[in-house]
Amino acid sequence: MSDLSNVVDPRPDWDTYFMSIAAVVASRANCLRRKVAAIVVSENRIISTGYNGTPKGVTNCFAGGCPRCAGTAPSGTSLEECICVHAEQNAICQAAYYGIRLEGSSIYVTISPCLTCAKLIINAGIKEVIYGGDYVFTEQTEKLLAEAGVICRKFEV
């Protein structure tokens, strides 16, 4: 009988696993400006996913559905013209649509959440945010998540 006490697990850790899946989900995004994904996980099981783009039934962003994204507005400007839904918003909406409870879950996002998404994350009962790159993770967003008791950490490769 062989001694397996020193065997190293060759699989990726959970954060790497879920962020890798999020990168694939982002490939479905229909936004012209940026491809973002969110994956909601409970007990190491994916319970909802979302990517950014126009709402269901609306012309896709890449087909001209969003005037801002089809225009020449510099990054971070004219956001009031953008009709795209953020990945976190879509993941939360998909869970609601199918009656899936998010309380106590974690959300993996390819970029840091904006203030609006942070408010939705809090009210959905999500307890942890793991994010990849930086978006507009403002001091206000970080403070709000912390005050609500939501753990927030940047994924490091």
Protein backbone atom coordinates (compact mmCIF):
# COMPACT_ATOMS: atom_id res chain seq x y z
CA MET A 1 0.00 0.00 0.00
CA SER A 2 1.45 3.38 -0.97
CA ASP A 3 1.76 6.35 1.39
CA LEU A 4 -0.50 9.16 0.11
CA SER A 5 0.11 11.55 3.00
CA ASN A 6 2.51 13.70 0.95
CA VAL A 7 0.38 13.90 -2.21
CA VAL A 8 -0.09 17.47 -3.42
CA ASP A 9 -3.49 18.35 -4.85
CA PRO A 10 -2.83 19.24 -8.53
CA ARG A 11 -6.16 21.04 -8.94
CA PRO A 12 -6.51 24.83 -8.92
CA ASP A 13 -7.66 26.40 -5.66
CA TRP A 14 -11.32 27.51 -5.52
CA ASP A 15 -10.60 31.18 -6.28
CA THR A 16 -8.55 30.31 -9.36
CA TYR A 17 -11.19 27.83 -10.49
CA PHE A 18 -14.10 30.27 -10.23
CA MET A 19 -12.18 33.22 -11.70
CA SER A 20 -11.19 31.02 -14.65
CA ILE A 21 -14.84 30.15 -15.21
CA ALA A 22 -15.73 33.85 -14.92
CA ALA A 23 -13.25 34.62 -17.72
CA VAL A 24 -15.12 32.18 -19.99
CA VAL A 25 -18.50 33.62 -18.98
CA ALA A 26 -17.17 37.10 -19.88
CA SER A 27 -16.69 35.90 -23.46
CA ARG A 28 -20.52 35.92 -23.78
CA ALA A 29 -20.73 39.65 -22.93
CA ASN A 30 -22.19 41.69 -25.74
CA CYS A 31 -20.84 45.08 -24.63
CA LEU A 32 -18.53 46.76 -27.11
CA ARG A 33 -16.48 48.53 -24.44
CA ARG A 34 -15.58 45.86 -21.90
CA LYS A 35 -16.35 42.19 -21.28
CA VAL A 36 -17.17 41.49 -17.64
CA ALA A 37 -18.59 38.46 -15.82
CA ALA A 38 -19.87 37.59 -12.37
CA ILE A 39 -20.37 34.17 -10.82
CA VAL A 40 -22.31 33.66 -7.61
CA VAL A 41 -21.13 30.70 -5.57
CA SER A 42 -22.53 28.98 -2.50
CA GLU A 43 -20.70 26.12 -0.79
CA ASN A 44 -18.27 25.93 -3.74
CA ARG A 45 -21.14 25.47 -6.21
CA ILE A 46 -22.08 27.95 -8.95
CA ILE A 47 -25.65 29.10 -8.40
CA SER A 48 -25.84 32.00 -10.88
CA THR A 49 -23.81 33.70 -13.59
CA GLY A 50 -24.07 36.98 -15.43
CA TYR A 51 -22.22 39.03 -17.99
CA ASN A 52 -22.58 42.63 -19.09
CA GLY A 53 -24.63 43.76 -22.04
CA THR A 54 -28.02 45.03 -23.11
CA PRO A 55 -31.18 43.81 -21.37
CA LYS A 56 -32.98 40.67 -22.56
CA GLY A 57 -34.96 41.31 -25.75
CA VAL A 58 -33.03 44.49 -26.63
CA THR A 59 -30.68 44.74 -29.62
CA ASN A 60 -27.22 43.60 -28.55
CA CYS A 61 -24.64 46.24 -27.82
CA PHE A 62 -22.34 44.96 -30.59
CA ALA A 63 -25.27 45.33 -33.04
CA GLY A 64 -25.80 48.98 -32.12
CA GLY A 65 -28.22 48.48 -29.22
CA CYS A 66 -26.40 50.83 -26.84
CA PRO A 67 -25.86 54.36 -28.16
CA ARG A 68 -23.07 55.11 -25.67
CA CYS A 69 -21.06 52.03 -26.46
CA ALA A 70 -21.51 52.57 -30.20
CA GLY A 71 -20.39 56.20 -29.80
CA THR A 72 -17.10 57.85 -29.04
CA ALA A 73 -17.62 58.86 -25.40
CA PRO A 74 -14.39 58.48 -23.42
CA SER A 75 -14.30 55.75 -20.77
CA GLY A 76 -16.17 56.75 -17.63
CA THR A 77 -18.23 59.48 -19.31
CA SER A 78 -21.83 59.69 -20.58
CA LEU A 79 -22.76 56.71 -18.41
CA GLU A 80 -26.36 57.96 -18.26
CA GLU A 81 -26.66 57.01 -21.96
CA CYS A 82 -25.50 53.42 -21.46
CA ILE A 83 -28.31 50.86 -21.45
CA CYS A 84 -26.05 47.89 -20.70
CA VAL A 85 -26.60 45.90 -17.51
CA HIS A 86 -23.56 45.10 -15.37
CA ALA A 87 -22.47 41.50 -14.86
CA GLU A 88 -23.22 41.57 -11.13
CA GLN A 89 -26.69 42.95 -11.83
CA ASN A 90 -27.36 40.21 -14.37
CA ALA A 91 -26.13 37.45 -12.01
CA ILE A 92 -28.41 38.74 -9.24
CA CYS A 93 -31.35 39.13 -11.65
CA GLN A 94 -30.87 35.63 -13.04
CA ALA A 95 -30.96 34.20 -9.54
CA ALA A 96 -34.17 36.13 -8.81
CA TYR A 97 -35.71 35.04 -12.11
CA TYR A 98 -35.18 31.38 -11.22
CA GLY A 99 -35.97 31.77 -7.51
CA ILE A 100 -32.45 31.14 -6.24
CA ARG A 101 -31.58 32.56 -2.83
CA LEU A 102 -28.20 34.37 -2.65
CA GLU A 103 -27.99 34.93 1.09
CA GLY A 104 -24.55 34.04 2.43
CA SER A 105 -23.04 33.44 -1.00
CA SER A 106 -19.87 34.80 -2.61
CA ILE A 107 -19.61 36.60 -5.93
CA TYR A 108 -16.60 36.35 -8.23
CA VAL A 109 -16.32 39.31 -10.61
CA THR A 110 -13.71 39.88 -13.29
CA ILE A 111 -13.45 43.57 -12.25
CA SER A 112 -14.28 45.42 -9.04
CA PRO A 113 -17.92 46.39 -8.51
CA CYS A 114 -19.26 49.90 -8.99
CA LEU A 115 -21.28 51.63 -6.26
CA THR A 116 -24.65 50.59 -7.74
CA CYS A 117 -23.59 46.95 -7.96
CA ALA A 118 -22.24 47.11 -4.39
CA LYS A 119 -25.68 48.19 -3.18
CA LEU A 120 -27.32 45.29 -5.01
CA ILE A 121 -24.73 42.85 -3.66
CA ILE A 122 -25.47 44.01 -0.12
CA ASN A 123 -29.25 43.81 -0.50
CA ALA A 124 -29.05 40.37 -2.15
CA GLY A 125 -27.34 39.06 1.00
CA ILE A 126 -24.04 38.24 -0.71
CA LYS A 127 -21.35 38.11 1.97
CA GLU A 128 -18.11 38.12 -0.04
CA VAL A 129 -16.83 39.78 -3.21
CA ILE A 130 -13.75 38.43 -4.95
CA TYR A 131 -12.73 40.59 -7.89
CA GLY A 132 -10.06 40.59 -10.58
CA GLY A 133 -9.03 43.89 -12.12
CA ASP A 134 -9.93 47.37 -10.93
CA TYR A 135 -12.86 49.30 -12.39
CA VAL A 136 -14.21 52.18 -10.36
CA PHE A 137 -13.71 50.66 -6.92
CA THR A 138 -14.06 53.94 -5.13
CA GLU A 139 -13.41 54.61 -1.48
CA GLN A 140 -17.17 55.06 -1.05
CA THR A 141 -17.87 51.63 -2.59
CA GLU A 142 -15.27 49.94 -0.41
CA LYS A 143 -16.54 51.70 2.71
CA LEU A 144 -20.17 50.78 1.97
CA LEU A 145 -19.34 47.08 1.50
CA ALA A 146 -17.27 47.07 4.71
CA GLU A 147 -20.01 48.80 6.72
CA ALA A 148 -22.51 46.18 5.52
CA GLY A 149 -20.12 43.41 6.60
CA VAL A 150 -19.35 42.23 3.06
CA ILE A 151 -15.82 40.84 2.78
CA CYS A 152 -14.11 42.23 -0.29
CA ARG A 153 -10.80 41.02 -1.65
CA LYS A 154 -8.83 41.27 -4.82
CA PHE A 155 -7.97 38.01 -6.57
CA GLU A 156 -4.23 37.63 -6.93
CA VAL A 157 -2.89 35.13 -9.42
